[in-house]
Amino acid sequence: MQRYAAGLGHSAVLSRRVGGFSLTEVLLAMLIGCVLVIASMQLYPTLHRHSQNTLRHFWLEQRFHQALFALEKDLRRSGFCASSCYGNVVTLGQFPGEAANSCAIVAYDFNRRGGAPQSRETFGYQLRAGAWETQVSIADCSGGGWERRLDPQEVTVTRFEVIAWRNAAGPTLYEVHLAGHWFRRPDIVRHTVRWIAGHNV
């Protein structure tokens, strides 16, 4: 009889444990869930905006990297000549109305023919009205036929500058600045600086 009573007591305890949550516990759980949902809804726009800004910074960095890649390659080749050559190797100037040294024309013996300057290819890079422009076989910074390499409806270039540090004991060192921002988001800004050695000068 005592074992039977003990069995009934154990079953009663189990039934109370399996019975589920109390009304207070359910209401508390719902309250916590509602608070978490509201908090996440308020936090989501901030996280989304942060991720979009991070992506825009990344793409702006990539565009500047691609833009400077060709210039860096040409500056490293500047002055190369297969035979006797003469003339300016790197000409710095600016389009009328732009900042000083915002245009660079690089010359080297691309076809390995040597001779006069006009027999060598020239490669121009310049800032003009917030756009990054390039040109091949260009004589001066004020000439026409320049092509935009960074879409001005996407990226606004605010600074392009090439500074030549000449060294009698070694190659000329070029300090290149390229800065700008997204066209519709001036707060997404990037300023890239490159140091490039002209090995043939």
N, C-alpha and C. Protein backbone atom coordinates (compact mmCIF):
# COMPACT_ATOMS: atom_id res chain seq x y z
N MET A 1 0.81 -1.21 0.00
CA MET A 1 0.00 0.00 0.00
C MET A 1 0.84 1.26 0.00
N GLN A 2 1.92 1.20 0.74
CA GLN A 2 2.81 2.36 0.80
C GLN A 2 3.49 2.57 -0.56
N ARG A 3 3.84 1.40 -1.22
CA ARG A 3 4.47 1.53 -2.55
C ARG A 3 3.49 2.12 -3.54
N TYR A 4 2.19 1.72 -3.43
CA TYR A 4 1.18 2.25 -4.34
C TYR A 4 1.00 3.75 -4.13
N ALA A 5 0.97 4.16 -2.87
CA ALA A 5 0.84 5.60 -2.56
C ALA A 5 2.04 6.38 -3.05
N ALA A 6 3.22 5.75 -2.89
CA ALA A 6 4.43 6.43 -3.36
C ALA A 6 4.40 6.58 -4.88
N GLY A 7 3.87 5.53 -5.55
CA GLY A 7 3.76 5.61 -7.00
C GLY A 7 2.82 6.68 -7.44
N LEU A 8 1.69 6.82 -6.73
CA LEU A 8 0.75 7.89 -7.05
C LEU A 8 1.36 9.26 -6.85
N GLY A 9 2.15 9.41 -5.79
CA GLY A 9 2.81 10.70 -5.55
C GLY A 9 3.81 11.06 -6.64
N HIS A 10 4.56 10.04 -7.10
CA HIS A 10 5.53 10.28 -8.18
C HIS A 10 4.83 10.67 -9.47
N SER A 11 3.69 10.01 -9.76
CA SER A 11 2.94 10.34 -10.97
C SER A 11 2.37 11.74 -10.90
N ALA A 12 1.95 12.15 -9.72
CA ALA A 12 1.42 13.51 -9.57
C ALA A 12 2.49 14.56 -9.83
N VAL A 13 3.70 14.27 -9.35
CA VAL A 13 4.81 15.22 -9.59
C VAL A 13 5.11 15.29 -11.08
N LEU A 14 5.15 14.14 -11.77
CA LEU A 14 5.43 14.13 -13.21
C LEU A 14 4.36 14.87 -13.99
N SER A 15 3.11 14.67 -13.56
CA SER A 15 2.02 15.35 -14.27
C SER A 15 2.11 16.85 -14.12
N ARG A 16 2.56 17.29 -12.97
CA ARG A 16 2.72 18.74 -12.79
C ARG A 16 3.86 19.28 -13.65
N ARG A 17 4.95 18.48 -13.82
CA ARG A 17 6.09 18.92 -14.62
C ARG A 17 5.74 18.93 -16.12
N VAL A 18 4.95 17.95 -16.56
CA VAL A 18 4.64 17.85 -17.98
C VAL A 18 3.49 18.80 -18.33
N GLY A 19 2.87 19.38 -17.37
CA GLY A 19 1.70 20.20 -17.61
C GLY A 19 1.92 21.40 -18.50
N GLY A 20 3.18 21.91 -18.71
CA GLY A 20 3.47 23.05 -19.57
C GLY A 20 3.77 24.31 -18.78
N PHE A 21 3.88 25.44 -19.55
CA PHE A 21 4.21 26.71 -18.93
C PHE A 21 2.96 27.33 -18.31
N SER A 22 3.23 28.14 -17.33
CA SER A 22 2.13 28.90 -16.73
C SER A 22 1.80 30.10 -17.60
N LEU A 23 0.67 30.70 -17.34
CA LEU A 23 0.25 31.88 -18.11
C LEU A 23 1.25 33.02 -17.97
N THR A 24 1.81 33.18 -16.80
CA THR A 24 2.81 34.24 -16.56
C THR A 24 4.05 34.01 -17.40
N GLU A 25 4.49 32.74 -17.48
CA GLU A 25 5.69 32.42 -18.27
C GLU A 25 5.44 32.66 -19.77
N VAL A 26 4.24 32.30 -20.23
CA VAL A 26 3.92 32.52 -21.65
C VAL A 26 3.89 34.00 -21.98
N LEU A 27 3.26 34.78 -21.11
CA LEU A 27 3.18 36.23 -21.35
C LEU A 27 4.57 36.86 -21.32
N LEU A 28 5.42 36.41 -20.41
CA LEU A 28 6.78 36.94 -20.34
C LEU A 28 7.57 36.61 -21.59
N ALA A 29 7.42 35.37 -22.08
CA ALA A 29 8.11 34.96 -23.30
C ALA A 29 7.64 35.78 -24.50
N MET A 30 6.32 36.03 -24.58
CA MET A 30 5.79 36.85 -25.68
C MET A 30 6.30 38.28 -25.59
N LEU A 31 6.40 38.80 -24.37
CA LEU A 31 6.91 40.16 -24.20
C LEU A 31 8.35 40.28 -24.66
N ILE A 32 9.15 39.30 -24.25
CA ILE A 32 10.57 39.30 -24.67
C ILE A 32 10.68 39.18 -26.19
N GLY A 33 9.86 38.31 -26.79
CA GLY A 33 9.90 38.15 -28.25
C GLY A 33 9.51 39.43 -28.97
N CYS A 34 8.48 40.11 -28.47
CA CYS A 34 8.05 41.37 -29.09
C CYS A 34 9.15 42.42 -29.00
N VAL A 35 9.81 42.48 -27.84
CA VAL A 35 10.89 43.46 -27.67
C VAL A 35 12.02 43.18 -28.66
N LEU A 36 12.36 41.89 -28.83
CA LEU A 36 13.44 41.52 -29.76
C LEU A 36 13.06 41.86 -31.21
N VAL A 37 11.81 41.60 -31.58
CA VAL A 37 11.36 41.90 -32.94
C VAL A 37 11.39 43.40 -33.21
N ILE A 38 10.91 44.18 -32.26
CA ILE A 38 10.91 45.64 -32.43
C ILE A 38 12.33 46.18 -32.52
N ALA A 39 13.20 45.65 -31.66
CA ALA A 39 14.60 46.10 -31.68
C ALA A 39 15.28 45.76 -33.00
N SER A 40 15.01 44.54 -33.51
CA SER A 40 15.63 44.15 -34.78
C SER A 40 15.08 44.99 -35.94
N MET A 41 13.80 45.34 -35.90
CA MET A 41 13.22 46.17 -36.96
C MET A 41 13.83 47.57 -36.95
N GLN A 42 14.13 48.08 -35.78
CA GLN A 42 14.75 49.40 -35.70
C GLN A 42 16.23 49.35 -36.08
N LEU A 43 16.88 48.22 -35.80
CA LEU A 43 18.30 48.08 -36.08
C LEU A 43 18.58 47.74 -37.54
N TYR A 44 17.64 47.07 -38.22
CA TYR A 44 17.88 46.62 -39.59
C TYR A 44 18.22 47.75 -40.55
N PRO A 45 17.46 48.88 -40.57
CA PRO A 45 17.84 49.96 -41.51
C PRO A 45 19.25 50.48 -41.28
N THR A 46 19.67 50.55 -40.01
CA THR A 46 21.03 51.02 -39.72
C THR A 46 22.06 50.04 -40.24
N LEU A 47 21.84 48.74 -40.01
CA LEU A 47 22.77 47.72 -40.51
C LEU A 47 22.79 47.70 -42.03
N HIS A 48 21.62 47.84 -42.65
CA HIS A 48 21.56 47.85 -44.12
C HIS A 48 22.30 49.06 -44.68
N ARG A 49 22.09 50.23 -44.08
CA ARG A 49 22.78 51.43 -44.54
C ARG A 49 24.29 51.31 -44.35
N HIS A 50 24.71 50.73 -43.23
CA HIS A 50 26.14 50.54 -42.97
C HIS A 50 26.76 49.60 -44.00
N SER A 51 26.07 48.50 -44.31
CA SER A 51 26.60 47.55 -45.29
C SER A 51 26.67 48.17 -46.68
N GLN A 52 25.67 48.99 -47.05
CA GLN A 52 25.69 49.67 -48.34
C GLN A 52 26.84 50.66 -48.43
N ASN A 53 27.08 51.40 -47.36
CA ASN A 53 28.19 52.36 -47.34
C ASN A 53 29.53 51.64 -47.44
N THR A 54 29.65 50.51 -46.75
CA THR A 54 30.89 49.73 -46.83
C THR A 54 31.12 49.24 -48.25
N LEU A 55 30.04 48.78 -48.90
CA LEU A 55 30.15 48.31 -50.28
C LEU A 55 30.53 49.45 -51.22
N ARG A 56 29.98 50.64 -51.01
CA ARG A 56 30.32 51.79 -51.86
C ARG A 56 31.78 52.20 -51.67
N HIS A 57 32.27 52.18 -50.43
CA HIS A 57 33.68 52.47 -50.19
C HIS A 57 34.57 51.46 -50.92
N PHE A 58 34.18 50.20 -50.87
CA PHE A 58 34.96 49.16 -51.54
C PHE A 58 34.99 49.38 -53.05
N TRP A 59 33.82 49.65 -53.66
CA TRP A 59 33.78 49.85 -55.10
C TRP A 59 34.52 51.10 -55.52
N LEU A 60 34.47 52.15 -54.70
CA LEU A 60 35.22 53.37 -55.01
C LEU A 60 36.72 53.10 -54.98
N GLU A 61 37.15 52.33 -54.00
CA GLU A 61 38.56 51.94 -53.92
C GLU A 61 38.96 51.12 -55.14
N GLN A 62 38.10 50.20 -55.58
CA GLN A 62 38.40 49.39 -56.75
C GLN A 62 38.50 50.23 -58.02
N ARG A 63 37.62 51.19 -58.18
CA ARG A 63 37.66 52.05 -59.36
C ARG A 63 38.92 52.90 -59.38
N PHE A 64 39.32 53.43 -58.26
CA PHE A 64 40.56 54.21 -58.20
C PHE A 64 41.77 53.31 -58.47
N HIS A 65 41.73 52.11 -57.96
CA HIS A 65 42.84 51.18 -58.20
C HIS A 65 42.96 50.87 -59.69
N GLN A 66 41.84 50.61 -60.35
CA GLN A 66 41.87 50.32 -61.78
C GLN A 66 42.32 51.54 -62.58
N ALA A 67 41.90 52.73 -62.15
CA ALA A 67 42.27 53.95 -62.87
C ALA A 67 43.76 54.20 -62.78
N LEU A 68 44.34 53.96 -61.60
CA LEU A 68 45.77 54.24 -61.41
C LEU A 68 46.67 53.13 -61.93
N PHE A 69 46.11 51.97 -62.21
CA PHE A 69 46.94 50.85 -62.66
C PHE A 69 47.64 51.19 -63.98
N ALA A 70 46.88 51.73 -64.94
CA ALA A 70 47.47 52.06 -66.25
C ALA A 70 48.49 53.18 -66.11
N LEU A 71 48.17 54.21 -65.30
CA LEU A 71 49.12 55.30 -65.10
C LEU A 71 50.41 54.80 -64.46
N GLU A 72 50.28 53.94 -63.47
CA GLU A 72 51.47 53.40 -62.81
C GLU A 72 52.33 52.62 -63.80
N LYS A 73 51.69 51.82 -64.63
CA LYS A 73 52.43 51.05 -65.63
C LYS A 73 53.17 51.96 -66.60
N ASP A 74 52.52 53.04 -67.06
CA ASP A 74 53.16 53.94 -68.01
C ASP A 74 54.29 54.75 -67.36
N LEU A 75 54.09 55.19 -66.12
CA LEU A 75 55.15 55.94 -65.44
C LEU A 75 56.39 55.08 -65.21
N ARG A 76 56.19 53.81 -64.93
CA ARG A 76 57.34 52.92 -64.76
C ARG A 76 58.09 52.71 -66.07
N ARG A 77 57.38 52.80 -67.20
CA ARG A 77 58.01 52.64 -68.51
C ARG A 77 58.53 53.95 -69.08
N SER A 78 58.21 55.07 -68.45
CA SER A 78 58.56 56.38 -69.00
C SER A 78 60.06 56.48 -69.27
N GLY A 79 60.38 56.97 -70.47
CA GLY A 79 61.78 57.14 -70.85
C GLY A 79 62.41 55.93 -71.50
N PHE A 80 61.69 54.81 -71.54
CA PHE A 80 62.27 53.63 -72.19
C PHE A 80 62.45 53.90 -73.68
N CYS A 81 63.58 53.46 -74.21
CA CYS A 81 63.87 53.68 -75.63
C CYS A 81 64.75 52.55 -76.14
N ALA A 82 64.41 52.04 -77.33
CA ALA A 82 65.17 50.93 -77.90
C ALA A 82 66.48 51.40 -78.51
N SER A 83 66.55 52.68 -78.90
CA SER A 83 67.79 53.22 -79.48
C SER A 83 67.93 54.66 -79.00
N SER A 84 68.51 55.53 -79.81
CA SER A 84 68.70 56.92 -79.40
C SER A 84 67.38 57.69 -79.50
N CYS A 85 66.92 58.23 -78.35
CA CYS A 85 65.69 59.00 -78.32
C CYS A 85 65.96 60.33 -77.62
N TYR A 86 65.10 61.27 -77.84
CA TYR A 86 65.22 62.57 -77.17
C TYR A 86 63.84 63.17 -77.03
N GLY A 87 63.75 64.19 -76.18
CA GLY A 87 62.47 64.84 -75.95
C GLY A 87 61.99 64.62 -74.53
N ASN A 88 60.88 65.25 -74.20
CA ASN A 88 60.33 65.12 -72.85
C ASN A 88 59.83 63.70 -72.60
N VAL A 89 60.08 63.24 -71.38
CA VAL A 89 59.65 61.90 -70.98
C VAL A 89 58.30 61.98 -70.28
N VAL A 90 58.19 62.85 -69.27
CA VAL A 90 56.93 63.07 -68.56
C VAL A 90 56.67 64.58 -68.53
N THR A 91 55.57 64.98 -69.12
CA THR A 91 55.19 66.39 -69.14
C THR A 91 54.02 66.60 -68.18
N LEU A 92 54.22 67.52 -67.24
CA LEU A 92 53.17 67.82 -66.26
C LEU A 92 52.57 69.18 -66.57
N GLY A 93 51.27 69.28 -66.48
CA GLY A 93 50.57 70.54 -66.75
C GLY A 93 49.16 70.46 -66.22
N GLN A 94 48.26 71.16 -66.89
CA GLN A 94 46.86 71.12 -66.49
C GLN A 94 45.98 71.62 -67.63
N PHE A 95 44.76 71.14 -67.65
CA PHE A 95 43.77 71.67 -68.57
C PHE A 95 43.42 73.07 -68.09
N PRO A 96 43.15 74.03 -69.00
CA PRO A 96 42.84 75.40 -68.58
C PRO A 96 41.74 75.45 -67.53
N GLY A 97 42.07 76.09 -66.42
CA GLY A 97 41.10 76.21 -65.33
C GLY A 97 41.23 75.17 -64.24
N GLU A 98 42.03 74.12 -64.47
CA GLU A 98 42.23 73.08 -63.47
C GLU A 98 43.49 73.35 -62.65
N ALA A 99 43.66 72.59 -61.57
CA ALA A 99 44.80 72.78 -60.68
C ALA A 99 46.10 72.37 -61.36
N ALA A 100 47.22 72.93 -60.86
CA ALA A 100 48.54 72.62 -61.41
C ALA A 100 48.85 71.13 -61.23
N ASN A 101 49.57 70.59 -62.20
CA ASN A 101 50.01 69.20 -62.19
C ASN A 101 48.85 68.20 -62.17
N SER A 102 47.70 68.61 -62.67
CA SER A 102 46.55 67.70 -62.75
C SER A 102 46.47 67.02 -64.11
N CYS A 103 47.52 67.14 -64.89
CA CYS A 103 47.62 66.47 -66.18
C CYS A 103 49.03 65.93 -66.33
N ALA A 104 49.15 64.69 -66.76
CA ALA A 104 50.46 64.08 -66.99
C ALA A 104 50.46 63.38 -68.34
N ILE A 105 51.45 63.70 -69.15
CA ILE A 105 51.63 63.04 -70.45
C ILE A 105 52.93 62.26 -70.40
N VAL A 106 52.83 60.96 -70.55
CA VAL A 106 53.97 60.06 -70.41
C VAL A 106 54.38 59.56 -71.79
N ALA A 107 55.68 59.58 -72.05
CA ALA A 107 56.20 59.15 -73.35
C ALA A 107 57.25 58.06 -73.17
N TYR A 108 57.18 57.05 -74.01
CA TYR A 108 58.23 56.02 -74.06
C TYR A 108 58.14 55.31 -75.41
N ASP A 109 59.19 54.61 -75.76
CA ASP A 109 59.30 53.98 -77.07
C ASP A 109 58.46 52.70 -77.10
N PHE A 110 57.17 52.85 -77.28
CA PHE A 110 56.24 51.72 -77.21
C PHE A 110 56.50 50.74 -78.34
N ASN A 111 56.81 51.24 -79.53
CA ASN A 111 57.01 50.37 -80.70
C ASN A 111 58.47 50.00 -80.94
N ARG A 112 59.35 50.43 -80.01
CA ARG A 112 60.79 50.10 -80.09
C ARG A 112 61.42 50.57 -81.40
N ARG A 113 61.05 51.78 -81.84
CA ARG A 113 61.60 52.31 -83.08
C ARG A 113 62.67 53.36 -82.84
N GLY A 114 62.66 53.99 -81.64
CA GLY A 114 63.63 55.03 -81.35
C GLY A 114 63.36 56.29 -82.15
N GLY A 115 64.30 57.21 -82.15
CA GLY A 115 64.22 58.41 -82.96
C GLY A 115 63.55 59.57 -82.27
N ALA A 116 62.87 60.41 -83.04
CA ALA A 116 62.28 61.65 -82.55
C ALA A 116 61.09 61.37 -81.64
N PRO A 117 60.73 62.36 -80.82
CA PRO A 117 59.63 62.16 -79.87
C PRO A 117 58.32 61.74 -80.52
N GLN A 118 58.04 62.25 -81.73
CA GLN A 118 56.76 61.92 -82.33
C GLN A 118 56.69 60.46 -82.76
N SER A 119 57.81 59.77 -82.79
CA SER A 119 57.78 58.36 -83.14
C SER A 119 57.46 57.48 -81.93
N ARG A 120 57.41 58.10 -80.77
CA ARG A 120 57.07 57.34 -79.57
C ARG A 120 55.61 57.55 -79.20
N GLU A 121 55.03 56.58 -78.57
CA GLU A 121 53.66 56.72 -78.11
C GLU A 121 53.62 57.61 -76.88
N THR A 122 52.58 58.41 -76.78
CA THR A 122 52.36 59.24 -75.59
C THR A 122 51.02 58.87 -74.98
N PHE A 123 50.97 58.88 -73.65
CA PHE A 123 49.78 58.47 -72.92
C PHE A 123 49.44 59.55 -71.90
N GLY A 124 48.25 60.13 -72.06
CA GLY A 124 47.86 61.26 -71.22
C GLY A 124 46.81 60.89 -70.19
N TYR A 125 46.91 61.54 -69.02
CA TYR A 125 45.95 61.38 -67.92
C TYR A 125 45.68 62.76 -67.35
N GLN A 126 44.42 63.10 -67.14
CA GLN A 126 44.14 64.42 -66.62
C GLN A 126 42.80 64.48 -65.87
N LEU A 127 42.70 65.53 -65.05
CA LEU A 127 41.45 65.86 -64.37
C LEU A 127 40.80 67.01 -65.12
N ARG A 128 39.51 66.85 -65.42
CA ARG A 128 38.79 67.90 -66.14
C ARG A 128 37.33 67.90 -65.71
N ALA A 129 36.91 68.96 -65.07
CA ALA A 129 35.52 69.15 -64.65
C ALA A 129 35.00 67.98 -63.83
N GLY A 130 35.83 67.50 -62.90
CA GLY A 130 35.41 66.43 -62.01
C GLY A 130 35.46 65.05 -62.63
N ALA A 131 36.06 64.92 -63.81
CA ALA A 131 36.13 63.63 -64.51
C ALA A 131 37.58 63.21 -64.71
N TRP A 132 37.82 61.92 -64.69
CA TRP A 132 39.14 61.33 -64.97
C TRP A 132 39.19 60.98 -66.45
N GLU A 133 40.17 61.56 -67.17
CA GLU A 133 40.23 61.38 -68.62
C GLU A 133 41.59 60.83 -69.04
N THR A 134 41.60 60.10 -70.14
CA THR A 134 42.83 59.57 -70.70
C THR A 134 42.83 59.80 -72.21
N GLN A 135 44.03 59.75 -72.78
CA GLN A 135 44.17 59.92 -74.22
C GLN A 135 45.49 59.31 -74.65
N VAL A 136 45.50 58.78 -75.86
CA VAL A 136 46.71 58.19 -76.45
C VAL A 136 47.17 59.08 -77.59
N SER A 137 48.51 59.19 -77.75
CA SER A 137 49.11 60.02 -78.80
C SER A 137 48.63 61.47 -78.67
N ILE A 138 48.81 62.02 -77.50
CA ILE A 138 48.38 63.38 -77.20
C ILE A 138 49.61 64.27 -77.06
N ALA A 139 49.52 65.50 -77.54
CA ALA A 139 50.67 66.40 -77.51
C ALA A 139 50.67 67.32 -76.30
N ASP A 140 49.50 67.78 -75.87
CA ASP A 140 49.44 68.69 -74.74
C ASP A 140 48.12 68.50 -73.99
N CYS A 141 48.05 69.12 -72.81
CA CYS A 141 46.89 68.91 -71.92
C CYS A 141 45.65 69.66 -72.39
N SER A 142 45.79 70.62 -73.25
CA SER A 142 44.63 71.41 -73.70
C SER A 142 44.01 70.88 -74.98
N GLY A 143 44.57 69.79 -75.51
CA GLY A 143 44.04 69.24 -76.75
C GLY A 143 42.71 68.53 -76.55
N GLY A 144 42.07 68.16 -77.65
CA GLY A 144 40.79 67.48 -77.60
C GLY A 144 40.93 65.99 -77.74
N GLY A 145 39.78 65.31 -77.74
CA GLY A 145 39.78 63.87 -77.94
C GLY A 145 39.98 63.03 -76.70
N TRP A 146 39.93 63.66 -75.52
CA TRP A 146 40.10 62.91 -74.28
C TRP A 146 38.86 62.07 -74.00
N GLU A 147 39.07 60.91 -73.39
CA GLU A 147 37.98 60.00 -73.06
C GLU A 147 37.87 59.84 -71.55
N ARG A 148 36.64 59.83 -71.06
CA ARG A 148 36.41 59.67 -69.62
C ARG A 148 36.48 58.20 -69.24
N ARG A 149 37.31 57.89 -68.25
CA ARG A 149 37.49 56.52 -67.79
C ARG A 149 36.74 56.22 -66.51
N LEU A 150 36.37 57.25 -65.77
CA LEU A 150 35.50 57.09 -64.60
C LEU A 150 34.20 57.83 -64.89
N ASP A 151 33.09 57.13 -64.82
CA ASP A 151 31.80 57.72 -65.14
C ASP A 151 31.50 58.87 -64.18
N PRO A 152 31.40 60.12 -64.68
CA PRO A 152 31.13 61.25 -63.79
C PRO A 152 29.75 61.20 -63.14
N GLN A 153 28.83 60.39 -63.68
CA GLN A 153 27.54 60.20 -63.04
C GLN A 153 27.61 59.19 -61.89
N GLU A 154 28.78 58.59 -61.73
CA GLU A 154 28.99 57.63 -60.65
C GLU A 154 30.05 58.12 -59.68
N VAL A 155 31.16 58.63 -60.20
CA VAL A 155 32.27 59.09 -59.37
C VAL A 155 32.66 60.51 -59.77
N THR A 156 32.79 61.37 -58.78
CA THR A 156 33.30 62.73 -59.00
C THR A 156 34.73 62.80 -58.50
N VAL A 157 35.66 63.10 -59.38
CA VAL A 157 37.07 63.22 -59.01
C VAL A 157 37.33 64.65 -58.56
N THR A 158 37.83 64.81 -57.35
CA THR A 158 38.09 66.14 -56.80
C THR A 158 39.56 66.52 -56.85
N ARG A 159 40.44 65.53 -56.99
CA ARG A 159 41.87 65.84 -57.05
C ARG A 159 42.61 64.78 -57.84
N PHE A 160 43.43 65.25 -58.76
CA PHE A 160 44.42 64.41 -59.43
C PHE A 160 45.68 65.24 -59.54
N GLU A 161 46.75 64.75 -58.99
CA GLU A 161 48.01 65.51 -58.99
C GLU A 161 49.18 64.55 -59.10
N VAL A 162 50.13 64.92 -59.94
CA VAL A 162 51.37 64.15 -60.09
C VAL A 162 52.53 65.08 -59.75
N ILE A 163 53.31 64.70 -58.76
CA ILE A 163 54.47 65.48 -58.32
C ILE A 163 55.72 64.67 -58.61
N ALA A 164 56.67 65.26 -59.32
CA ALA A 164 57.90 64.58 -59.70
C ALA A 164 59.01 64.97 -58.72
N TRP A 165 59.59 63.97 -58.08
CA TRP A 165 60.74 64.17 -57.20
C TRP A 165 61.97 63.61 -57.91
N ARG A 166 62.76 64.54 -58.47
CA ARG A 166 63.90 64.11 -59.28
C ARG A 166 65.11 63.88 -58.40
N ASN A 167 65.82 62.79 -58.72
CA ASN A 167 66.98 62.38 -57.94
C ASN A 167 68.13 62.12 -58.90
N ALA A 168 69.21 62.89 -58.73
CA ALA A 168 70.35 62.74 -59.64
C ALA A 168 71.01 61.37 -59.48
N ALA A 169 70.89 60.79 -58.31
CA ALA A 169 71.57 59.51 -58.05
C ALA A 169 70.67 58.31 -58.34
N GLY A 170 69.44 58.53 -58.74
CA GLY A 170 68.54 57.41 -58.96
C GLY A 170 67.37 57.81 -59.82
N PRO A 171 66.38 56.94 -59.95
CA PRO A 171 65.22 57.22 -60.80
C PRO A 171 64.33 58.31 -60.19
N THR A 172 63.60 58.98 -61.06
CA THR A 172 62.63 59.98 -60.61
C THR A 172 61.48 59.27 -59.88
N LEU A 173 61.08 59.86 -58.78
CA LEU A 173 59.99 59.30 -57.99
C LEU A 173 58.76 60.19 -58.18
N TYR A 174 57.64 59.57 -58.53
CA TYR A 174 56.40 60.31 -58.78
C TYR A 174 55.40 60.06 -57.63
N GLU A 175 54.92 61.15 -57.07
CA GLU A 175 53.90 61.09 -56.03
C GLU A 175 52.55 61.40 -56.69
N VAL A 176 51.66 60.43 -56.70
CA VAL A 176 50.39 60.54 -57.41
C VAL A 176 49.24 60.56 -56.41
N HIS A 177 48.38 61.57 -56.53
CA HIS A 177 47.19 61.69 -55.69
C HIS A 177 45.94 61.57 -56.56
N LEU A 178 45.00 60.75 -56.11
CA LEU A 178 43.70 60.64 -56.76
C LEU A 178 42.64 60.60 -55.67
N ALA A 179 41.75 61.58 -55.68
CA ALA A 179 40.71 61.68 -54.64
C ALA A 179 39.37 61.98 -55.29
N GLY A 180 38.31 61.53 -54.63
CA GLY A 180 36.97 61.80 -55.15
C GLY A 180 35.91 61.18 -54.26
N HIS A 181 34.68 61.23 -54.74
CA HIS A 181 33.56 60.69 -53.97
C HIS A 181 32.48 60.22 -54.93
N TRP A 182 31.54 59.47 -54.38
CA TRP A 182 30.39 59.06 -55.17
C TRP A 182 29.59 60.30 -55.57
N PHE A 183 29.06 60.27 -56.79
CA PHE A 183 28.38 61.44 -57.34
C PHE A 183 27.20 61.87 -56.46
N ARG A 184 26.40 60.93 -56.01
CA ARG A 184 25.21 61.23 -55.22
C ARG A 184 25.44 61.10 -53.71
N ARG A 185 26.64 60.69 -53.32
CA ARG A 185 26.94 60.54 -51.90
C ARG A 185 28.31 61.16 -51.61
N PRO A 186 28.38 62.48 -51.42
CA PRO A 186 29.67 63.12 -51.16
C PRO A 186 30.34 62.65 -49.88
N ASP A 187 29.59 61.97 -49.01
CA ASP A 187 30.19 61.48 -47.78
C ASP A 187 30.98 60.18 -47.99
N ILE A 188 30.80 59.53 -49.15
CA ILE A 188 31.58 58.34 -49.50
C ILE A 188 32.82 58.81 -50.23
N VAL A 189 33.91 59.01 -49.50
CA VAL A 189 35.11 59.68 -50.02
C VAL A 189 36.29 58.71 -50.01
N ARG A 190 37.16 58.90 -50.99
CA ARG A 190 38.39 58.10 -51.05
C ARG A 190 39.54 58.96 -51.56
N HIS A 191 40.70 58.86 -50.91
CA HIS A 191 41.90 59.57 -51.34
C HIS A 191 43.04 58.55 -51.39
N THR A 192 43.52 58.30 -52.60
CA THR A 192 44.56 57.31 -52.82
C THR A 192 45.87 58.00 -53.18
N VAL A 193 46.95 57.54 -52.58
CA VAL A 193 48.29 58.09 -52.86
C VAL A 193 49.19 56.94 -53.30
N ARG A 194 49.87 57.14 -54.41
CA ARG A 194 50.82 56.13 -54.91
C ARG A 194 52.19 56.79 -55.10
N TRP A 195 53.23 56.03 -54.77
CA TRP A 195 54.60 56.44 -55.06
C TRP A 195 55.12 55.50 -56.14
N ILE A 196 55.51 56.09 -57.28
CA ILE A 196 55.89 55.30 -58.45
C ILE A 196 57.27 55.72 -58.92
N ALA A 197 58.13 54.76 -59.11
CA ALA A 197 59.50 55.04 -59.57
C ALA A 197 59.56 54.91 -61.09
N GLY A 198 60.06 55.95 -61.75
CA GLY A 198 60.30 55.88 -63.19
C GLY A 198 61.65 55.27 -63.45
N HIS A 199 61.71 53.98 -63.71
CA HIS A 199 62.98 53.25 -63.74
C HIS A 199 63.90 53.67 -64.87
N ASN A 200 63.38 54.23 -65.94
CA ASN A 200 64.22 54.55 -67.10
C ASN A 200 64.68 55.99 -67.14
N VAL A 201 64.33 56.77 -66.12
CA VAL A 201 64.68 58.21 -66.11
C VAL A 201 65.75 58.47 -65.09
